[in-house]
């Protein structure tokens, strides 16, 4: 996080640091950044693939 995000800014105070960390986690890390435990997909892509597989398996059962 420090290398990818925080070092781009001059941190003014604790509140500013808090907002920067929150923004990084909510807008990039949890949505866009690739994760090895998600087969190198972003969490959003991984969730979409999971839901597609779930829908397909429900169609097969019906």
PDB file of N, CA and C in Angstrom:
ATOM      1  N   UNK A   1       0.823  -1.175   0.000  1.00  0.00           N
ATOM      2  CA  UNK A   1       0.000   0.000   0.000  1.00  0.00           C
ATOM      3  C   UNK A   1       0.878   1.254   0.000  1.00  0.00           C
ATOM      4  N   UNK A   2       1.921   1.222   0.771  1.00  0.00           N
ATOM      5  CA  UNK A   2       2.795   2.381   0.851  1.00  0.00           C
ATOM      6  C   UNK A   2       3.411   2.690  -0.505  1.00  0.00           C
ATOM      7  N   UNK A   3       3.895   1.659  -1.174  1.00  0.00           N
ATOM      8  CA  UNK A   3       4.555   1.842  -2.462  1.00  0.00           C
ATOM      9  C   UNK A   3       3.542   2.209  -3.549  1.00  0.00           C
ATOM     10  N   UNK A   4       2.369   1.597  -3.526  1.00  0.00           N
ATOM     11  CA  UNK A   4       1.380   1.813  -4.590  1.00  0.00           C
ATOM     12  C   UNK A   4       0.559   3.084  -4.410  1.00  0.00           C
ATOM     13  N   UNK A   5       0.422   3.598  -3.191  1.00  0.00           N
ATOM     14  CA  UNK A   5      -0.533   4.670  -2.972  1.00  0.00           C
ATOM     15  C   UNK A   5      -0.018   5.799  -2.079  1.00  0.00           C
ATOM     16  N   UNK A   6       0.381   5.474  -0.869  1.00  0.00           N
ATOM     17  CA  UNK A   6       0.681   6.493   0.126  1.00  0.00           C
ATOM     18  C   UNK A   6       1.844   7.393  -0.276  1.00  0.00           C
ATOM     19  N   UNK A   7       2.877   6.849  -0.883  1.00  0.00           N
ATOM     20  CA  UNK A   7       4.047   7.659  -1.238  1.00  0.00           C
ATOM     21  C   UNK A   7       3.754   8.716  -2.302  1.00  0.00           C
ATOM     22  N   UNK A   8       2.578   8.699  -2.887  1.00  0.00           N
ATOM     23  CA  UNK A   8       2.215   9.705  -3.889  1.00  0.00           C
ATOM     24  C   UNK A   8       1.757  11.012  -3.262  1.00  0.00           C
ATOM     25  N   UNK A   9       1.518  11.012  -1.959  1.00  0.00           N
ATOM     26  CA  UNK A   9       0.905  12.156  -1.296  1.00  0.00           C
ATOM     27  C   UNK A   9       1.768  12.692  -0.164  1.00  0.00           C
ATOM     28  N   UNK A  10       1.596  13.961   0.128  1.00  0.00           N
ATOM     29  CA  UNK A  10       2.145  14.553   1.336  1.00  0.00           C
ATOM     30  C   UNK A  10       1.013  14.493   2.359  1.00  0.00           C
ATOM     31  N   UNK A  11       1.217  13.739   3.407  1.00  0.00           N
ATOM     32  CA  UNK A  11       0.166  13.538   4.393  1.00  0.00           C
ATOM     33  C   UNK A  11       0.149  14.726   5.350  1.00  0.00           C
ATOM     34  N   UNK A  12      -1.018  15.331   5.475  1.00  0.00           N
ATOM     35  CA  UNK A  12      -1.150  16.551   6.259  1.00  0.00           C
ATOM     36  C   UNK A  12      -1.404  16.285   7.733  1.00  0.00           C
ATOM     37  N   UNK A  13      -2.248  15.300   8.022  1.00  0.00           N
ATOM     38  CA  UNK A  13      -2.586  14.979   9.407  1.00  0.00           C
ATOM     39  C   UNK A  13      -3.177  13.572   9.460  1.00  0.00           C
ATOM     40  N   UNK A  14      -3.558  13.160  10.644  1.00  0.00           N
ATOM     41  CA  UNK A  14      -4.100  11.819  10.831  1.00  0.00           C
ATOM     42  C   UNK A  14      -5.360  11.610   9.987  1.00  0.00           C
ATOM     43  N   UNK A  15      -6.245  12.578   9.963  1.00  0.00           N
ATOM     44  CA  UNK A  15      -7.504  12.462   9.211  1.00  0.00           C
ATOM     45  C   UNK A  15      -7.223  12.288   7.725  1.00  0.00           C
ATOM     46  N   UNK A  16      -6.261  13.004   7.205  1.00  0.00           N
ATOM     47  CA  UNK A  16      -5.891  12.884   5.796  1.00  0.00           C
ATOM     48  C   UNK A  16      -5.332  11.490   5.508  1.00  0.00           C
ATOM     49  N   UNK A  17      -4.461  10.996   6.382  1.00  0.00           N
ATOM     50  CA  UNK A  17      -3.912   9.645   6.222  1.00  0.00           C
ATOM     51  C   UNK A  17      -5.030   8.611   6.262  1.00  0.00           C
ATOM     52  N   UNK A  18      -5.962   8.777   7.177  1.00  0.00           N
ATOM     53  CA  UNK A  18      -7.095   7.851   7.304  1.00  0.00           C
ATOM     54  C   UNK A  18      -7.899   7.820   6.012  1.00  0.00           C
ATOM     55  N   UNK A  19      -8.200   8.993   5.447  1.00  0.00           N
ATOM     56  CA  UNK A  19      -8.971   9.058   4.195  1.00  0.00           C
ATOM     57  C   UNK A  19      -8.216   8.400   3.043  1.00  0.00           C
ATOM     58  N   UNK A  20      -6.906   8.625   2.973  1.00  0.00           N
ATOM     59  CA  UNK A  20      -6.104   8.019   1.903  1.00  0.00           C
ATOM     60  C   UNK A  20      -6.109   6.497   1.993  1.00  0.00           C
ATOM     61  N   UNK A  21      -5.943   5.971   3.194  1.00  0.00           N
ATOM     62  CA  UNK A  21      -5.950   4.520   3.385  1.00  0.00           C
ATOM     63  C   UNK A  21      -7.321   3.952   3.061  1.00  0.00           C
ATOM     64  N   UNK A  22      -8.375   4.591   3.536  1.00  0.00           N
ATOM     65  CA  UNK A  22      -9.734   4.135   3.256  1.00  0.00           C
ATOM     66  C   UNK A  22     -10.007   4.134   1.755  1.00  0.00           C
ATOM     67  N   UNK A  23      -9.617   5.206   1.088  1.00  0.00           N
ATOM     68  CA  UNK A  23      -9.831   5.306  -0.361  1.00  0.00           C
ATOM     69  C   UNK A  23      -9.094   4.201  -1.101  1.00  0.00           C
ATOM     70  N   UNK A  24      -7.861   3.946  -0.714  1.00  0.00           N
ATOM     71  CA  UNK A  24      -7.074   2.890  -1.351  1.00  0.00           C
ATOM     72  C   UNK A  24      -7.751   1.534  -1.199  1.00  0.00           C
ATOM     73  N   UNK A  25      -8.169   1.225   0.002  1.00  0.00           N
ATOM     74  CA  UNK A  25      -8.765  -0.090   0.267  1.00  0.00           C
ATOM     75  C   UNK A  25     -10.104  -0.243  -0.440  1.00  0.00           C
ATOM     76  N   UNK A  26     -10.952   0.751  -0.343  1.00  0.00           N
ATOM     77  CA  UNK A  26     -12.306   0.630  -0.892  1.00  0.00           C
ATOM     78  C   UNK A  26     -12.386   0.796  -2.397  1.00  0.00           C
ATOM     79  N   UNK A  27     -11.527   1.632  -2.983  1.00  0.00           N
ATOM     80  CA  UNK A  27     -11.662   1.879  -4.421  1.00  0.00           C
ATOM     81  C   UNK A  27     -10.677   1.116  -5.281  1.00  0.00           C
ATOM     82  N   UNK A  28      -9.613   0.605  -4.696  1.00  0.00           N
ATOM     83  CA  UNK A  28      -8.630  -0.102  -5.518  1.00  0.00           C
ATOM     84  C   UNK A  28      -8.387  -1.517  -5.022  1.00  0.00           C
ATOM     85  N   UNK A  29      -7.932  -1.668  -3.806  1.00  0.00           N
ATOM     86  CA  UNK A  29      -7.511  -2.978  -3.315  1.00  0.00           C
ATOM     87  C   UNK A  29      -8.653  -3.994  -3.322  1.00  0.00           C
ATOM     88  N   UNK A  30      -9.832  -3.606  -2.869  1.00  0.00           N
ATOM     89  CA  UNK A  30     -10.950  -4.541  -2.785  1.00  0.00           C
ATOM     90  C   UNK A  30     -11.728  -4.688  -4.089  1.00  0.00           C
ATOM     91  N   UNK A  31     -11.395  -3.911  -5.098  1.00  0.00           N
ATOM     92  CA  UNK A  31     -12.179  -3.982  -6.334  1.00  0.00           C
ATOM     93  C   UNK A  31     -11.349  -4.240  -7.582  1.00  0.00           C
ATOM     94  N   UNK A  32     -10.184  -3.639  -7.696  1.00  0.00           N
ATOM     95  CA  UNK A  32      -9.421  -3.656  -8.946  1.00  0.00           C
ATOM     96  C   UNK A  32      -8.150  -4.493  -8.860  1.00  0.00           C
ATOM     97  N   UNK A  33      -7.426  -4.406  -7.773  1.00  0.00           N
ATOM     98  CA  UNK A  33      -6.110  -5.034  -7.657  1.00  0.00           C
ATOM     99  C   UNK A  33      -6.216  -6.550  -7.757  1.00  0.00           C
ATOM    100  N   UNK A  34      -5.274  -7.164  -8.470  1.00  0.00           N
ATOM    101  CA  UNK A  34      -5.258  -8.613  -8.620  1.00  0.00           C
ATOM    102  C   UNK A  34      -4.795  -9.268  -7.321  1.00  0.00           C
ATOM    103  N   UNK A  35      -5.424 -10.380  -6.965  1.00  0.00           N
ATOM    104  CA  UNK A  35      -5.093 -11.112  -5.747  1.00  0.00           C
ATOM    105  C   UNK A  35      -4.732 -12.548  -6.115  1.00  0.00           C
ATOM    106  N   UNK A  36      -3.673 -13.055  -5.537  1.00  0.00           N
ATOM    107  CA  UNK A  36      -3.251 -14.420  -5.854  1.00  0.00           C
ATOM    108  C   UNK A  36      -4.274 -15.450  -5.388  1.00  0.00           C
ATOM    109  N   UNK A  37      -4.931 -15.213  -4.272  1.00  0.00           N
ATOM    110  CA  UNK A  37      -5.918 -16.187  -3.792  1.00  0.00           C
ATOM    111  C   UNK A  37      -7.198 -16.188  -4.629  1.00  0.00           C
ATOM    112  N   UNK A  38      -7.335 -15.223  -5.531  1.00  0.00           N
ATOM    113  CA  UNK A  38      -8.481 -15.171  -6.454  1.00  0.00           C
ATOM    114  C   UNK A  38      -8.058 -15.608  -7.851  1.00  0.00           C
ATOM    115  N   UNK A  39      -7.049 -16.466  -7.935  1.00  0.00           N
ATOM    116  CA  UNK A  39      -6.508 -16.901  -9.225  1.00  0.00           C
ATOM    117  C   UNK A  39      -6.053 -15.715 -10.076  1.00  0.00           C
ATOM    118  N   UNK A  40      -5.452 -14.741  -9.433  1.00  0.00           N
ATOM    119  CA  UNK A  40      -4.927 -13.536 -10.068  1.00  0.00           C
ATOM    120  C   UNK A  40      -5.999 -12.766 -10.834  1.00  0.00           C
ATOM    121  N   UNK A  41      -7.172 -12.715 -10.254  1.00  0.00           N
ATOM    122  CA  UNK A  41      -8.264 -11.868 -10.731  1.00  0.00           C
ATOM    123  C   UNK A  41      -8.502 -10.797  -9.675  1.00  0.00           C
ATOM    124  N   UNK A  42      -9.194  -9.751 -10.061  1.00  0.00           N
ATOM    125  CA  UNK A  42      -9.605  -8.779  -9.055  1.00  0.00           C
ATOM    126  C   UNK A  42     -10.758  -9.402  -8.266  1.00  0.00           C
ATOM    127  N   UNK A  43     -10.984  -8.963  -7.043  1.00  0.00           N
ATOM    128  CA  UNK A  43     -12.102  -9.514  -6.267  1.00  0.00           C
ATOM    129  C   UNK A  43     -13.446  -9.366  -6.990  1.00  0.00           C
ATOM    130  N   UNK A  44     -13.627  -8.267  -7.712  1.00  0.00           N
ATOM    131  CA  UNK A  44     -14.863  -8.079  -8.460  1.00  0.00           C
ATOM    132  C   UNK A  44     -15.026  -9.118  -9.567  1.00  0.00           C
ATOM    133  N   UNK A  45     -13.949  -9.366 -10.318  1.00  0.00           N
ATOM    134  CA  UNK A  45     -13.991 -10.379 -11.382  1.00  0.00           C
ATOM    135  C   UNK A  45     -14.223 -11.762 -10.790  1.00  0.00           C
ATOM    136  N   UNK A  46     -13.555 -12.043  -9.697  1.00  0.00           N
ATOM    137  CA  UNK A  46     -13.679 -13.355  -9.059  1.00  0.00           C
ATOM    138  C   UNK A  46     -15.124 -13.590  -8.602  1.00  0.00           C
ATOM    139  N   UNK A  47     -15.718 -12.567  -8.026  1.00  0.00           N
ATOM    140  CA  UNK A  47     -17.108 -12.689  -7.577  1.00  0.00           C
ATOM    141  C   UNK A  47     -18.049 -12.905  -8.757  1.00  0.00           C
ATOM    142  N   UNK A  48     -17.819 -12.200  -9.863  1.00  0.00           N
ATOM    143  CA  UNK A  48     -18.651 -12.387 -11.058  1.00  0.00           C
ATOM    144  C   UNK A  48     -18.531 -13.817 -11.577  1.00  0.00           C
ATOM    145  N   UNK A  49     -17.303 -14.340 -11.646  1.00  0.00           N
ATOM    146  CA  UNK A  49     -17.101 -15.715 -12.105  1.00  0.00           C
ATOM    147  C   UNK A  49     -17.790 -16.706 -11.179  1.00  0.00           C
ATOM    148  N   UNK A  50     -17.693 -16.479  -9.880  1.00  0.00           N
ATOM    149  CA  UNK A  50     -18.332 -17.354  -8.905  1.00  0.00           C
ATOM    150  C   UNK A  50     -19.846 -17.364  -9.098  1.00  0.00           C
ATOM    151  N   UNK A  51     -20.434 -16.190  -9.262  1.00  0.00           N
ATOM    152  CA  UNK A  51     -21.885 -16.110  -9.449  1.00  0.00           C
ATOM    153  C   UNK A  51     -22.329 -16.777 -10.751  1.00  0.00           C
ATOM    154  N   UNK A  52     -21.535 -16.627 -11.812  1.00  0.00           N
ATOM    155  CA  UNK A  52     -21.858 -17.289 -13.078  1.00  0.00           C
ATOM    156  C   UNK A  52     -21.840 -18.811 -12.914  1.00  0.00           C
ATOM    157  N   UNK A  53     -20.813 -19.317 -12.230  1.00  0.00           N
ATOM    158  CA  UNK A  53     -20.735 -20.769 -11.994  1.00  0.00           C
ATOM    159  C   UNK A  53     -21.890 -21.244 -11.127  1.00  0.00           C
ATOM    160  N   UNK A  54     -22.256 -20.457 -10.141  1.00  0.00           N
ATOM    161  CA  UNK A  54     -23.366 -20.815  -9.266  1.00  0.00           C
ATOM    162  C   UNK A  54     -24.675 -20.867 -10.048  1.00  0.00           C
ATOM    163  N   UNK A  55     -24.901 -19.876 -10.891  1.00  0.00           N
ATOM    164  CA  UNK A  55     -26.115 -19.860 -11.724  1.00  0.00           C
ATOM    165  C   UNK A  55     -26.149 -21.070 -12.655  1.00  0.00           C
ATOM    166  N   UNK A  56     -25.008 -21.408 -13.264  1.00  0.00           N
ATOM    167  CA  UNK A  56     -24.945 -22.567 -14.165  1.00  0.00           C
ATOM    168  C   UNK A  56     -25.262 -23.852 -13.424  1.00  0.00           C
ATOM    169  N   UNK A  57     -24.709 -23.986 -12.214  1.00  0.00           N
ATOM    170  CA  UNK A  57     -24.981 -25.221 -11.458  1.00  0.00           C
ATOM    171  C   UNK A  57     -26.428 -25.292 -11.009  1.00  0.00           C
ATOM    172  N   UNK A  58     -27.057 -24.152 -10.735  1.00  0.00           N
ATOM    173  CA  UNK A  58     -28.473 -24.157 -10.360  1.00  0.00           C
ATOM    174  C   UNK A  58     -29.344 -24.519 -11.559  1.00  0.00           C
ATOM    175  N   UNK A  59     -28.946 -24.109 -12.758  1.00  0.00           N
ATOM    176  CA  UNK A  59     -29.693 -24.458 -13.958  1.00  0.00           C
ATOM    177  C   UNK A  59     -29.625 -25.952 -14.231  1.00  0.00           C
ATOM    178  N   UNK A  60     -28.476 -26.559 -13.944  1.00  0.00           N
ATOM    179  CA  UNK A  60     -28.312 -27.990 -14.166  1.00  0.00           C
ATOM    180  C   UNK A  60     -29.159 -28.805 -13.187  1.00  0.00           C
ATOM    181  N   UNK A  61     -29.336 -28.309 -11.989  1.00  0.00           N
ATOM    182  CA  UNK A  61     -30.113 -29.015 -10.972  1.00  0.00           C
ATOM    183  C   UNK A  61     -31.604 -28.918 -11.271  1.00  0.00           C
ATOM    184  N   UNK A  62     -32.056 -27.815 -11.854  1.00  0.00           N
ATOM    185  CA  UNK A  62     -33.483 -27.611 -12.106  1.00  0.00           C
ATOM    186  C   UNK A  62     -34.037 -28.478 -13.156  1.00  0.00           C
TER     187      UNK A  62
END
